[in-house]
C-alpha atoms as a PDB file:
ATOM      1  CA  MET A   1      -0.131  -0.056  -0.210  1.00  0.00           C
ATOM      2  CA  VAL A   2       1.357   3.385  -0.585  1.00  0.00           C
ATOM      3  CA  ALA A   3       1.268   5.922   1.706  1.00  0.00           C
ATOM      4  CA  ILE A   4      -1.130   9.100   1.065  1.00  0.00           C
ATOM      5  CA  ALA A   5       1.704  11.649   1.633  1.00  0.00           C
ATOM      6  CA  SER A   6       3.738   9.706  -1.182  1.00  0.00           C
ATOM      7  CA  ILE A   7       0.380   9.678  -3.489  1.00  0.00           C
ATOM      8  CA  GLN A   8      -0.096  13.283  -2.707  1.00  0.00           C
ATOM      9  CA  SER A   9       4.078  14.067  -3.461  1.00  0.00           C
ATOM     10  CA  LYS A  10       3.636  12.585  -7.026  1.00  0.00           C
ATOM     11  CA  LEU A  11       0.703  14.114  -7.813  1.00  0.00           C
ATOM     12  CA  LYS A  12       2.013  17.337  -7.416  1.00  0.00           C
ATOM     13  CA  THR A  13       5.173  16.473  -9.175  1.00  0.00           C
ATOM     14  CA  ILE A  14       3.471  15.288 -12.085  1.00  0.00           C
ATOM     15  CA  GLU A  15       0.654  17.908 -12.112  1.00  0.00           C
ATOM     16  CA  LEU A  16       3.522  20.757 -13.145  1.00  0.00           C
ATOM     17  CA  LYS A  17       3.192  18.661 -16.646  1.00  0.00           C
ATOM     18  CA  PRO A  18       0.743  19.639 -19.375  1.00  0.00           C
ATOM     19  CA  LYS A  19      -0.911  16.194 -18.736  1.00  0.00           C
ATOM     20  CA  LEU A  20      -0.905  12.747 -18.379  1.00  0.00           C
ATOM     21  CA  THR A  21      -0.660   9.896 -20.190  1.00  0.00           C
ATOM     22  CA  PHE A  22      -2.492   7.104 -19.555  1.00  0.00           C
ATOM     23  CA  ASP A  23       0.670   4.824 -19.250  1.00  0.00           C
ATOM     24  CA  GLN A  24       1.637   7.548 -16.427  1.00  0.00           C
ATOM     25  CA  PHE A  25      -1.895   6.997 -14.354  1.00  0.00           C
ATOM     26  CA  LEU A  26      -1.191   3.844 -14.285  1.00  0.00           C
ATOM     27  CA  GLU A  27       1.963   4.289 -12.141  1.00  0.00           C
ATOM     28  CA  ILE A  28       0.876   6.801  -9.874  1.00  0.00           C
ATOM     29  CA  TYR A  29      -2.367   5.113  -9.601  1.00  0.00           C
ATOM     30  CA  PRO A  30      -3.627   6.465  -5.687  1.00  0.00           C
ATOM     31  CA  GLU A  31      -3.976   3.594  -3.819  1.00  0.00           C
ATOM     32  CA  ASN A  32      -5.577   4.748  -0.855  1.00  0.00           C
ATOM     33  CA  GLY A  33      -9.027   3.118  -1.784  1.00  0.00           C
ATOM     34  CA  LYS A  34     -10.533   6.123  -3.106  1.00  0.00           C
ATOM     35  CA  HIS A  35     -11.772   6.083  -6.626  1.00  0.00           C
ATOM     36  CA  TYR A  36     -10.300   8.258  -9.633  1.00  0.00           C
ATOM     37  CA  GLU A  37     -10.517   8.093 -13.181  1.00  0.00           C
ATOM     38  CA  LEU A  38      -8.127  10.063 -15.738  1.00  0.00           C
ATOM     39  CA  ILE A  39      -9.959  12.452 -17.083  1.00  0.00           C
ATOM     40  CA  ASN A  40      -8.191  15.354 -20.009  1.00  0.00           C
ATOM     41  CA  GLY A  41      -5.125  14.545 -18.728  1.00  0.00           C
ATOM     42  CA  LYS A  42      -5.795  15.179 -15.273  1.00  0.00           C
ATOM     43  CA  ILE A  43      -6.630  12.837 -11.906  1.00  0.00           C
ATOM     44  CA  VAL A  44     -10.240  13.105 -10.921  1.00  0.00           C
ATOM     45  CA  GLU A  45     -11.373  12.240  -7.900  1.00  0.00           C
ATOM     46  CA  ILE A  46     -14.655  10.418  -8.153  1.00  0.00           C
ATOM     47  CA  SER A  47     -17.487  11.792  -5.386  1.00  0.00           C
ATOM     48  CA  GLU A  48     -17.695   9.421  -2.712  1.00  0.00           C
ATOM     49  CA  MET A  49     -21.554  10.201  -2.937  1.00  0.00           C
ATOM     50  CA  ALA A  50     -21.460   7.845  -5.956  1.00  0.00           C
ATOM     51  CA  PHE A  51     -20.622   4.977  -3.810  1.00  0.00           C
ATOM     52  CA  THR A  52     -23.470   4.015  -1.791  1.00  0.00           C
ATOM     53  CA  ARG A  53     -23.619   0.582  -0.371  1.00  0.00           C
ATOM     54  CA  ASN A  54     -26.814   0.277  -2.492  1.00  0.00           C
ATOM     55  CA  HIS A  55     -24.461   1.523  -5.307  1.00  0.00           C
ATOM     56  CA  ASP A  56     -21.792  -1.404  -4.451  1.00  0.00           C
ATOM     57  CA  ASP A  57     -24.764  -3.773  -3.928  1.00  0.00           C
ATOM     58  CA  VAL A  58     -26.006  -3.463  -7.495  1.00  0.00           C
ATOM     59  CA  GLY A  59     -22.297  -3.602  -9.323  1.00  0.00           C
ATOM     60  CA  GLU A  60     -21.400  -7.123  -6.568  1.00  0.00           C
ATOM     61  CA  PHE A  61     -25.007  -8.713  -7.824  1.00  0.00           C
ATOM     62  CA  ILE A  62     -24.303  -8.302 -11.183  1.00  0.00           C
ATOM     63  CA  ASN A  63     -20.378  -9.151 -11.223  1.00  0.00           C
ATOM     64  CA  ARG A  64     -21.901 -12.798  -9.108  1.00  0.00           C
ATOM     65  CA  ARG A  65     -23.931 -13.509 -12.138  1.00  0.00           C
ATOM     66  CA  PHE A  66     -21.505 -12.923 -14.561  1.00  0.00           C
ATOM     67  CA  TYR A  67     -19.253 -14.880 -13.033  1.00  0.00           C
ATOM     68  CA  ARG A  68     -21.610 -17.627 -12.356  1.00  0.00           C
ATOM     69  CA  GLU A  69     -22.381 -17.465 -16.291  1.00  0.00           C
ATOM     70  CA  VAL A  70     -18.526 -17.540 -17.184  1.00  0.00           C
ATOM     71  CA  GLU A  71     -18.001 -20.999 -14.653  1.00  0.00           C
ATOM     72  CA  ARG A  72     -21.043 -22.206 -15.948  1.00  0.00           C
ATOM     73  CA  LEU A  73     -20.021 -21.877 -19.437  1.00  0.00           C
ATOM     74  CA  SER A  74     -16.723 -21.888 -19.524  1.00  0.00           C
ATOM     75  CA  LEU A  75     -16.529 -19.139 -21.026  1.00  0.00           C
ATOM     76  CA  ASN A  76     -13.019 -17.365 -21.883  1.00  0.00           C
ATOM     77  CA  TYR A  77     -13.654 -14.120 -19.824  1.00  0.00           C
ATOM     78  CA  VAL A  78     -12.792 -13.220 -16.875  1.00  0.00           C
ATOM     79  CA  VAL A  79     -15.167 -10.414 -14.790  1.00  0.00           C
ATOM     80  CA  LYS A  80     -13.212  -7.914 -12.682  1.00  0.00           C
ATOM     81  CA  ARG A  81     -14.331  -4.729 -11.249  1.00  0.00           C
ATOM     82  CA  ALA A  82     -12.372  -1.601 -10.905  1.00  0.00           C
ATOM     83  CA  ILE A  83      -9.896  -2.173 -13.580  1.00  0.00           C
ATOM     84  CA  PRO A  84      -8.839   1.464 -15.472  1.00  0.00           C
ATOM     85  CA  ILE A  85      -9.313   1.126 -19.673  1.00  0.00           C
ATOM     86  CA  ARG A  86      -7.780   3.674 -21.700  1.00  0.00           C
ATOM     87  CA  THR A  87     -10.437   5.183 -23.987  1.00  0.00           C
ATOM     88  CA  THR A  88     -10.328   8.445 -26.260  1.00  0.00           C
ATOM     89  CA  ASP A  89     -12.777  11.184 -26.472  1.00  0.00           C
ATOM     90  CA  GLN A  90     -13.594  12.749 -30.211  1.00  0.00           C
ATOM     91  CA  GLU A  91     -10.505  15.460 -29.852  1.00  0.00           C
ATOM     92  CA  GLY A  92      -8.179  12.939 -29.390  1.00  0.00           C
ATOM     93  CA  ASN A  93      -7.450  13.366 -25.903  1.00  0.00           C
ATOM     94  CA  GLU A  94      -6.652  10.358 -23.751  1.00  0.00           C
ATOM     95  CA  HIS A  95      -8.714   8.835 -20.460  1.00  0.00           C
ATOM     96  CA  GLY A  96      -8.401   6.414 -17.950  1.00  0.00           C
ATOM     97  CA  ARG A  97     -12.057   5.526 -17.208  1.00  0.00           C
ATOM     98  CA  ILE A  98     -12.841   2.888 -14.780  1.00  0.00           C
ATOM     99  CA  PRO A  99     -16.433   0.701 -15.355  1.00  0.00           C
ATOM    100  CA  ASP A 100     -17.835  -0.653 -12.156  1.00  0.00           C
ATOM    101  CA  LEU A 101     -17.873  -3.630 -13.866  1.00  0.00           C
ATOM    102  CA  SER A 102     -15.565  -5.179 -16.470  1.00  0.00           C
ATOM    103  CA  VAL A 103     -16.352  -8.093 -18.490  1.00  0.00           C
ATOM    104  CA  ILE A 104     -12.705  -8.932 -20.496  1.00  0.00           C
ATOM    105  CA  ASP A 105     -11.219 -11.670 -23.012  1.00  0.00           C
ATOM    106  CA  ALA A 106      -9.468 -13.962 -20.456  1.00  0.00           C
ATOM    107  CA  THR A 107      -6.646 -14.474 -23.214  1.00  0.00           C
ATOM    108  CA  ILE A 108      -5.761 -10.665 -23.485  1.00  0.00           C
ATOM    109  CA  TRP A 109      -5.632 -10.218 -19.365  1.00  0.00           C
ATOM    110  CA  ARG A 110      -3.459 -13.022 -19.077  1.00  0.00           C
ATOM    111  CA  SER A 111      -1.243 -12.352 -21.791  1.00  0.00           C
ATOM    112  CA  ASN A 112       1.174 -10.019 -19.256  1.00  0.00           C
ATOM    113  CA  ARG A 113       0.679 -11.217 -15.561  1.00  0.00           C
ATOM    114  CA  HIS A 114       3.329  -8.761 -14.482  1.00  0.00           C
ATOM    115  CA  ASP A 115       1.683  -5.906 -16.250  1.00  0.00           C
ATOM    116  CA  TYR A 116      -0.361  -2.854 -14.618  1.00  0.00           C
ATOM    117  CA  LYS A 117      -3.764  -4.123 -14.162  1.00  0.00           C
ATOM    118  CA  GLY A 118      -4.924  -1.041 -16.611  1.00  0.00           C
ATOM    119  CA  LEU A 119      -5.813  -2.427 -20.250  1.00  0.00           C
ATOM    120  CA  ARG A 120      -4.902  -0.354 -23.427  1.00  0.00           C
ATOM    121  CA  GLU A 121      -7.157  -3.086 -25.384  1.00  0.00           C
ATOM    122  CA  LYS A 122     -11.193  -2.698 -25.674  1.00  0.00           C
ATOM    123  CA  ILE A 123     -12.968  -4.827 -22.869  1.00  0.00           C
ATOM    124  CA  GLN A 124     -16.345  -7.038 -23.844  1.00  0.00           C
ATOM    125  CA  LEU A 125     -18.538  -5.382 -21.756  1.00  0.00           C
ATOM    126  CA  ALA A 126     -18.391  -2.667 -19.502  1.00  0.00           C
ATOM    127  CA  VAL A 127     -21.388  -1.883 -16.816  1.00  0.00           C
ATOM    128  CA  GLU A 128     -21.666   1.612 -15.334  1.00  0.00           C
ATOM    129  CA  VAL A 129     -24.326   2.013 -12.131  1.00  0.00           C
ATOM    130  CA  ALA A 130     -25.608   5.346 -12.627  1.00  0.00           C
ATOM    131  CA  SER A 131     -25.374   7.854  -9.365  1.00  0.00           C
ATOM    132  CA  ASN A 132     -24.658  11.587  -8.923  1.00  0.00           C
ATOM    133  CA  ASN A 133     -22.596  11.720 -11.688  1.00  0.00           C
ATOM    134  CA  TRP A 134     -24.843  10.027 -13.862  1.00  0.00           C
ATOM    135  CA  ASP A 135     -24.141  12.839 -17.460  1.00  0.00           C
ATOM    136  CA  ASP A 136     -20.557  10.691 -17.328  1.00  0.00           C
ATOM    137  CA  ASP A 137     -22.210   7.486 -17.767  1.00  0.00           C
ATOM    138  CA  TYR A 138     -24.800   8.343 -20.517  1.00  0.00           C
ATOM    139  CA  ILE A 139     -23.436  10.821 -22.167  1.00  0.00           C
ATOM    140  CA  ASP A 140     -19.392  10.797 -22.160  1.00  0.00           C
ATOM    141  CA  LYS A 141     -18.700   7.318 -21.491  1.00  0.00           C
ATOM    142  CA  PHE A 142     -21.221   6.533 -24.018  1.00  0.00           C
ATOM    143  CA  ASP A 143     -19.161   8.108 -26.480  1.00  0.00           C
ATOM    144  CA  GLU A 144     -15.411   6.604 -25.671  1.00  0.00           C
ATOM    145  CA  TYR A 145     -17.056   3.508 -24.946  1.00  0.00           C
ATOM    146  CA  GLN A 146     -18.796   3.318 -28.353  1.00  0.00           C
ATOM    147  CA  ARG A 147     -15.543   4.910 -30.089  1.00  0.00           C
ATOM    148  CA  LEU A 148     -13.187   2.007 -28.315  1.00  0.00           C
ATOM    149  CA  GLY A 149     -15.519  -0.727 -29.997  1.00  0.00           C
ATOM    150  CA  ILE A 150     -16.350  -2.392 -26.085  1.00  0.00           C
ATOM    151  CA  PRO A 151     -19.308  -4.041 -27.801  1.00  0.00           C
ATOM    152  CA  GLU A 152     -21.722  -4.218 -24.979  1.00  0.00           C
ATOM    153  CA  TYR A 153     -22.325  -1.517 -22.521  1.00  0.00           C
ATOM    154  CA  TRP A 154     -24.960  -1.644 -19.714  1.00  0.00           C
ATOM    155  CA  ILE A 155     -25.964   1.591 -17.983  1.00  0.00           C
ATOM    156  CA  VAL A 156     -27.964  -0.155 -14.661  1.00  0.00           C
ATOM    157  CA  ASP A 157     -30.144   3.125 -13.036  1.00  0.00           C
ATOM    158  CA  TYR A 158     -31.268   2.030 -10.125  1.00  0.00           C
ATOM    159  CA  LEU A 159     -32.089   5.395  -9.196  1.00  0.00           C
ATOM    160  CA  ALA A 160     -33.713   6.714 -11.993  1.00  0.00           C
ATOM    161  CA  ILE A 161     -31.512   9.648 -11.485  1.00  0.00           C
ATOM    162  CA  ALA A 162     -31.233  10.579 -14.943  1.00  0.00           C
ATOM    163  CA  SER A 163     -33.134  12.840 -16.696  1.00  0.00           C
ATOM    164  CA  ARG A 164     -36.088  12.697 -18.524  1.00  0.00           C
ATOM    165  CA  ASP A 165     -34.544  12.843 -22.015  1.00  0.00           C
ATOM    166  CA  PHE A 166     -33.427   9.323 -21.151  1.00  0.00           C
ATOM    167  CA  LEU A 167     -35.833   7.959 -18.704  1.00  0.00           C
ATOM    168  CA  GLY A 168     -39.132   9.133 -20.237  1.00  0.00           C
ATOM    169  CA  ASN A 169     -41.828  10.503 -18.262  1.00  0.00           C
ATOM    170  CA  PRO A 170     -42.602   8.941 -15.541  1.00  0.00           C
ATOM    171  CA  LYS A 171     -39.061   8.079 -14.423  1.00  0.00           C
ATOM    172  CA  VAL A 172     -38.846   4.926 -13.459  1.00  0.00           C
ATOM    173  CA  PRO A 173     -35.685   2.522 -12.414  1.00  0.00           C
ATOM    174  CA  THR A 174     -33.997   0.957 -16.200  1.00  0.00           C
ATOM    175  CA  VAL A 175     -31.627  -0.686 -16.761  1.00  0.00           C
ATOM    176  CA  PHE A 176     -30.055   0.361 -20.526  1.00  0.00           C
ATOM    177  CA  VAL A 177     -28.112  -2.489 -22.796  1.00  0.00           C
ATOM    178  CA  ASN A 178     -26.085  -0.711 -25.769  1.00  0.00           C
ATOM    179  CA  LEU A 179     -25.107  -2.989 -28.122  1.00  0.00           C
ATOM    180  CA  LEU A 180     -22.933  -2.278 -31.175  1.00  0.00           C
ATOM    181  CA  ASP A 181     -24.023  -2.187 -34.603  1.00  0.00           C
ATOM    182  CA  GLU A 182     -22.369  -3.337 -38.034  1.00  0.00           C
ATOM    183  CA  ASN A 183     -21.607   0.274 -38.265  1.00  0.00           C
ATOM    184  CA  GLY A 184     -20.173   0.779 -34.798  1.00  0.00           C
ATOM    185  CA  LYS A 185     -22.965   2.715 -33.291  1.00  0.00           C
ATOM    186  CA  TYR A 186     -24.676   1.866 -30.192  1.00  0.00           C
ATOM    187  CA  GLN A 187     -28.349   0.565 -30.607  1.00  0.00           C
ATOM    188  CA  THR A 188     -30.035   0.762 -27.040  1.00  0.00           C
ATOM    189  CA  THR A 189     -33.103  -1.376 -25.397  1.00  0.00           C
ATOM    190  CA  LYS A 190     -34.422  -0.242 -22.087  1.00  0.00           C
ATOM    191  CA  PHE A 191     -35.548  -2.664 -19.716  1.00  0.00           C
ATOM    192  CA  THR A 192     -37.583  -2.529 -16.894  1.00  0.00           C
ATOM    193  CA  ASP A 193     -39.716  -4.215 -14.136  1.00  0.00           C
ATOM    194  CA  ASP A 194     -40.137  -7.727 -15.005  1.00  0.00           C
ATOM    195  CA  ASP A 195     -38.561  -7.800 -18.775  1.00  0.00           C
ATOM    196  CA  LYS A 196     -35.636 -10.129 -19.352  1.00  0.00           C
ATOM    197  CA  ILE A 197     -32.586  -8.757 -20.006  1.00  0.00           C
ATOM    198  CA  ILE A 198     -31.204  -9.605 -23.489  1.00  0.00           C
ATOM    199  CA  SER A 199     -27.457  -9.860 -23.076  1.00  0.00           C
ATOM    200  CA  ARG A 200     -25.149 -10.654 -26.526  1.00  0.00           C
ATOM    201  CA  THR A 201     -21.802 -11.670 -24.332  1.00  0.00           C
ATOM    202  CA  PHE A 202     -24.137 -13.659 -21.977  1.00  0.00           C
ATOM    203  CA  SER A 203     -26.384 -14.973 -24.260  1.00  0.00           C
ATOM    204  CA  GLU A 204     -28.059 -17.746 -22.073  1.00  0.00           C
ATOM    205  CA  LEU A 205     -28.373 -14.843 -18.759  1.00  0.00           C
ATOM    206  CA  GLU A 206     -31.368 -15.545 -16.825  1.00  0.00           C
ATOM    207  CA  LEU A 207     -32.211 -11.672 -15.709  1.00  0.00           C
ATOM    208  CA  THR A 208     -34.715  -9.505 -15.175  1.00  0.00           C
ATOM    209  CA  ALA A 209     -34.088  -6.153 -14.379  1.00  0.00           C
ATOM    210  CA  ALA A 210     -36.503  -5.990 -11.328  1.00  0.00           C
ATOM    211  CA  GLN A 211     -33.864  -8.426  -9.853  1.00  0.00           C
ATOM    212  CA  ILE A 212     -30.894  -5.826 -10.721  1.00  0.00           C
ATOM    213  CA  LEU A 213     -32.928  -3.069  -9.515  1.00  0.00           C
ATOM    214  CA  ASN A 214     -34.879  -4.118  -6.616  1.00  0.00           C
ATOM    215  CA  ILE A 215     -31.348  -5.272  -5.040  1.00  0.00           C
END
């Protein structure tokens, strides 16, 4: 575990540079139990308000269900939480995003066991559990994950916290499953209540929106 004072010293030193690269972000990623992302070349702490017990329970429930499918069907995936992935925005700026849950090709993950846990390759599936910074998930990360070519991206809005532009009126808790089409664009399906979630990655998944949203 890296001492907090040491982390702060590193951050102050690096901040003198114009922008951090993704590799630099991985080298100095703070290990003080908090959550950070690389945004526009700077390390940004994600508000602790985003990580309630309910938020964590939702992420952990999905994690267990995905892991169960990987084990049951002997799929070549690993399921991980808090893994930094490299993305870029439309201006070409490099970001380090950390999905709440990542499904990763096991061959890629195990290709270099001594490397940092961050990934430059695209993952198979990303899950974001929406919270007070919901616009990141619906707008910025949606664009960056689509640009990276992540085949499947879930937004789990268990609080129905996003705007009516996304949730409709009245707003209800919703699971959004975004799947890349042949043109590299996400096509979105909304799941609510007892709707069975359709996943391209886990085609035999038996899971309803209510099972996730009512955790």
